[in-house]
Amino acid sequence: MDSLNSSNFKKFYIHYYDRCFLFAKSYVHNDLAAEDIAAEALIKLWELSGIEEIENPLKLLYVILKNRALDYLKHEKIKNDALISISTCTKRELEIRISTLEASNPDRIFANDIQNILQTTISNLPEQTRLIFKMSRFKNMSKKEIAAHFNITVKGVDYHISKALLSLRKNLKDYFPFFYFLLI
């Protein structure tokens, strides 16, 4: 090949770009990547021609295209493997959460230690707070009914229930997800 000066290179580029693009696209299946590979390969060939005389520029162009396409595909494989790995981990973690939740048993949730903590905490509440809390949560009385029973305001009932819940939250902090579901 004659030296690839700017004028010769422009003609060479225009003449071979479409072939380079189609070759790259046939392997990478991505138009933008194929455009980049074709342009980079042609520019690399031009740079090399400035350093040394190239006997067979088409053969060298093919090698450059092949290597650029291989690099792209290897990179895509790494990305794909990483996505599969992340997907597998996410899927596994989701399956664990599903199986854990499916296996949860109300009898286990109300295990002796939780029952003991509940009973101890409730029994240590001031008498009026304890009675109001039990009426609200265990006898399903409305706040209005409880207020009438104790001759206090509904806000007063709210205060006592909040006070009881705060004590329970402190004592059941290790069991909070279950506590939250059951008592709030």
Protein backbone atom coordinates (compact mmCIF):
# COMPACT_ATOMS: atom_id res chain seq x y z
CA MET A 1 0.00 0.00 0.00
CA ASP A 2 1.23 3.44 -0.76
CA SER A 3 1.73 5.64 2.21
CA LEU A 4 -1.60 6.62 3.71
CA ASN A 5 -1.38 10.37 3.64
CA SER A 6 -4.48 12.33 4.55
CA SER A 7 -5.87 12.30 1.02
CA ASN A 8 -5.21 8.59 0.47
CA PHE A 9 -6.51 7.73 3.91
CA LYS A 10 -9.75 9.63 3.33
CA LYS A 11 -10.36 7.64 0.15
CA PHE A 12 -9.37 4.41 1.88
CA TYR A 13 -11.65 5.21 4.85
CA ILE A 14 -14.65 6.01 2.64
CA HIS A 15 -14.05 2.96 0.48
CA TYR A 16 -13.68 0.42 3.32
CA TYR A 17 -15.82 1.88 6.13
CA ASP A 18 -19.06 0.12 5.09
CA ARG A 19 -17.30 -3.23 4.79
CA CYS A 20 -15.67 -2.76 8.18
CA PHE A 21 -18.98 -1.76 9.73
CA LEU A 22 -20.83 -4.76 8.28
CA PHE A 23 -18.07 -7.12 9.35
CA ALA A 24 -18.09 -5.79 12.93
CA LYS A 25 -21.89 -5.72 13.10
CA SER A 26 -22.14 -9.32 11.97
CA TYR A 27 -20.35 -10.28 15.20
CA VAL A 28 -21.27 -7.65 17.77
CA HIS A 29 -24.94 -7.17 16.73
CA ASN A 30 -24.87 -3.56 17.91
CA ASP A 31 -24.84 -0.69 15.41
CA LEU A 32 -23.12 1.83 17.66
CA ALA A 33 -20.44 -0.61 18.73
CA ALA A 34 -19.91 -1.69 15.13
CA GLU A 35 -19.51 1.95 14.05
CA ASP A 36 -16.93 2.51 16.78
CA ILE A 37 -15.05 -0.67 15.93
CA ALA A 38 -14.97 0.17 12.21
CA ALA A 39 -13.79 3.74 12.79
CA GLU A 40 -11.21 2.70 15.40
CA ALA A 41 -9.83 -0.04 13.15
CA LEU A 42 -9.44 2.31 10.19
CA ILE A 43 -7.79 4.97 12.35
CA LYS A 44 -5.46 2.37 13.89
CA LEU A 45 -4.47 1.24 10.40
CA TRP A 46 -3.73 4.85 9.43
CA GLU A 47 -1.62 5.37 12.59
CA LEU A 48 0.35 2.19 11.89
CA SER A 49 0.92 3.26 8.29
CA GLY A 50 2.59 6.41 9.58
CA ILE A 51 5.06 4.31 11.57
CA GLU A 52 5.90 1.59 9.07
CA GLU A 53 5.16 0.48 5.55
CA ILE A 54 2.24 -1.92 5.40
CA GLU A 55 2.41 -4.57 2.70
CA ASN A 56 -1.13 -5.88 2.98
CA PRO A 57 -3.40 -3.21 4.54
CA LEU A 58 -6.61 -5.24 4.05
CA LYS A 59 -5.16 -8.20 5.96
CA LEU A 60 -4.00 -5.91 8.77
CA LEU A 61 -7.37 -4.14 8.76
CA TYR A 62 -9.10 -7.51 9.13
CA VAL A 63 -6.84 -8.43 12.08
CA ILE A 64 -7.51 -5.08 13.77
CA LEU A 65 -11.28 -5.43 13.20
CA LYS A 66 -11.22 -9.00 14.46
CA ASN A 67 -9.33 -8.02 17.63
CA ARG A 68 -11.56 -5.01 18.33
CA ALA A 69 -14.70 -7.13 17.85
CA LEU A 70 -13.26 -9.85 20.09
CA ASP A 71 -12.45 -7.28 22.78
CA TYR A 72 -16.00 -5.95 22.58
CA LEU A 73 -17.55 -9.44 22.76
CA LYS A 74 -15.32 -10.48 25.66
CA HIS A 75 -16.29 -7.32 27.51
CA GLU A 76 -19.97 -8.01 26.80
CA LYS A 77 -19.53 -11.56 28.10
CA ILE A 78 -17.99 -10.24 31.33
CA LYS A 79 -20.88 -7.78 31.72
CA ASN A 80 -23.40 -10.52 30.97
CA ASP A 81 -21.76 -12.92 33.45
CA ALA A 82 -21.79 -10.20 36.11
CA LEU A 83 -25.46 -9.47 35.46
CA ILE A 84 -26.28 -13.17 35.65
CA SER A 85 -24.34 -13.46 38.89
CA ILE A 86 -26.12 -10.46 40.37
CA SER A 87 -29.44 -11.82 39.14
CA THR A 88 -28.67 -15.23 40.64
CA CYS A 89 -27.76 -13.69 43.99
CA THR A 90 -30.86 -11.51 43.96
CA LYS A 91 -33.02 -14.47 43.01
CA ARG A 92 -31.48 -16.62 45.75
CA GLU A 93 -31.95 -13.89 48.35
CA LEU A 94 -35.57 -13.42 47.24
CA GLU A 95 -36.20 -17.17 47.46
CA ILE A 96 -34.78 -17.18 51.00
CA ARG A 97 -37.06 -14.33 52.02
CA ILE A 98 -40.07 -16.08 50.46
CA SER A 99 -39.31 -19.42 52.11
CA THR A 100 -38.64 -17.75 55.46
CA LEU A 101 -41.92 -15.91 55.34
CA GLU A 102 -43.82 -19.00 54.15
CA ALA A 103 -42.27 -21.02 56.97
CA SER A 104 -43.14 -18.44 59.61
CA ASN A 105 -45.58 -19.93 62.01
CA PRO A 106 -47.79 -17.89 64.37
CA ASP A 107 -47.06 -20.40 67.11
CA ARG A 108 -43.36 -19.68 66.76
CA ILE A 109 -43.91 -15.93 66.69
CA PHE A 110 -45.64 -16.22 70.04
CA ALA A 111 -42.83 -18.26 71.52
CA ASN A 112 -42.44 -18.34 75.26
CA ASP A 113 -39.76 -15.67 75.38
CA ILE A 114 -41.91 -13.16 73.51
CA GLN A 115 -44.92 -14.04 75.63
CA ASN A 116 -42.86 -13.59 78.77
CA ILE A 117 -41.56 -10.20 77.60
CA LEU A 118 -45.10 -9.11 76.72
CA GLN A 119 -46.55 -10.24 80.04
CA THR A 120 -43.71 -8.76 82.09
CA THR A 121 -43.80 -5.44 80.25
CA ILE A 122 -47.58 -5.15 80.50
CA SER A 123 -47.63 -6.13 84.17
CA ASN A 124 -44.97 -3.49 84.97
CA LEU A 125 -47.06 -0.70 83.44
CA PRO A 126 -48.91 1.66 85.77
CA GLU A 127 -52.34 0.19 86.59
CA GLN A 128 -54.47 2.58 84.53
CA THR A 129 -52.10 2.38 81.53
CA ARG A 130 -52.11 -1.43 81.76
CA LEU A 131 -55.91 -1.64 81.94
CA ILE A 132 -56.40 0.81 79.06
CA PHE A 133 -53.88 -1.05 76.91
CA LYS A 134 -55.52 -4.45 77.61
CA MET A 135 -58.98 -3.07 76.84
CA SER A 136 -57.69 -1.60 73.57
CA ARG A 137 -55.65 -4.51 72.34
CA PHE A 138 -57.09 -7.62 73.94
CA LYS A 139 -60.76 -6.74 74.39
CA ASN A 140 -60.95 -4.70 71.16
CA MET A 141 -62.72 -1.82 72.86
CA SER A 142 -62.80 1.50 71.05
CA LYS A 143 -60.97 4.49 72.44
CA LYS A 144 -64.31 6.17 73.02
CA GLU A 145 -65.57 3.21 75.10
CA ILE A 146 -62.36 3.12 77.13
CA ALA A 147 -62.51 6.89 77.72
CA ALA A 148 -66.09 6.56 78.96
CA HIS A 149 -65.14 3.65 81.26
CA PHE A 150 -62.32 5.63 82.92
CA ASN A 151 -64.06 8.99 82.63
CA ILE A 152 -61.12 10.48 80.67
CA THR A 153 -60.75 12.02 77.22
CA VAL A 154 -59.92 10.05 74.06
CA LYS A 155 -56.59 11.92 74.04
CA GLY A 156 -55.98 10.55 77.53
CA VAL A 157 -56.59 7.04 76.18
CA ASP A 158 -54.16 7.76 73.32
CA TYR A 159 -51.56 8.88 75.86
CA HIS A 160 -51.81 5.65 77.88
CA ILE A 161 -51.74 3.44 74.77
CA SER A 162 -48.70 5.31 73.45
CA LYS A 163 -46.98 4.93 76.82
CA ALA A 164 -47.63 1.16 76.77
CA LEU A 165 -46.47 0.80 73.17
CA LEU A 166 -43.27 2.70 73.94
CA SER A 167 -42.45 0.28 76.77
CA LEU A 168 -43.22 -2.69 74.54
CA ARG A 169 -41.08 -1.27 71.72
CA LYS A 170 -38.12 -0.93 74.07
CA ASN A 171 -38.47 -4.44 75.47
CA LEU A 172 -39.26 -6.14 72.16
CA LYS A 173 -36.78 -4.29 69.96
CA ASP A 174 -35.23 -7.61 68.85
CA TYR A 175 -38.63 -8.81 67.69
CA PHE A 176 -39.72 -5.50 66.19
CA PRO A 177 -41.07 -6.74 62.82
CA PHE A 178 -43.49 -9.09 64.59
CA PHE A 179 -44.28 -6.59 67.31
CA TYR A 180 -45.06 -3.92 64.76
CA PHE A 181 -47.43 -6.22 62.89
CA LEU A 182 -49.20 -7.42 66.01
CA LEU A 183 -49.56 -4.30 68.09
CA ILE A 184 -49.67 -1.27 65.82
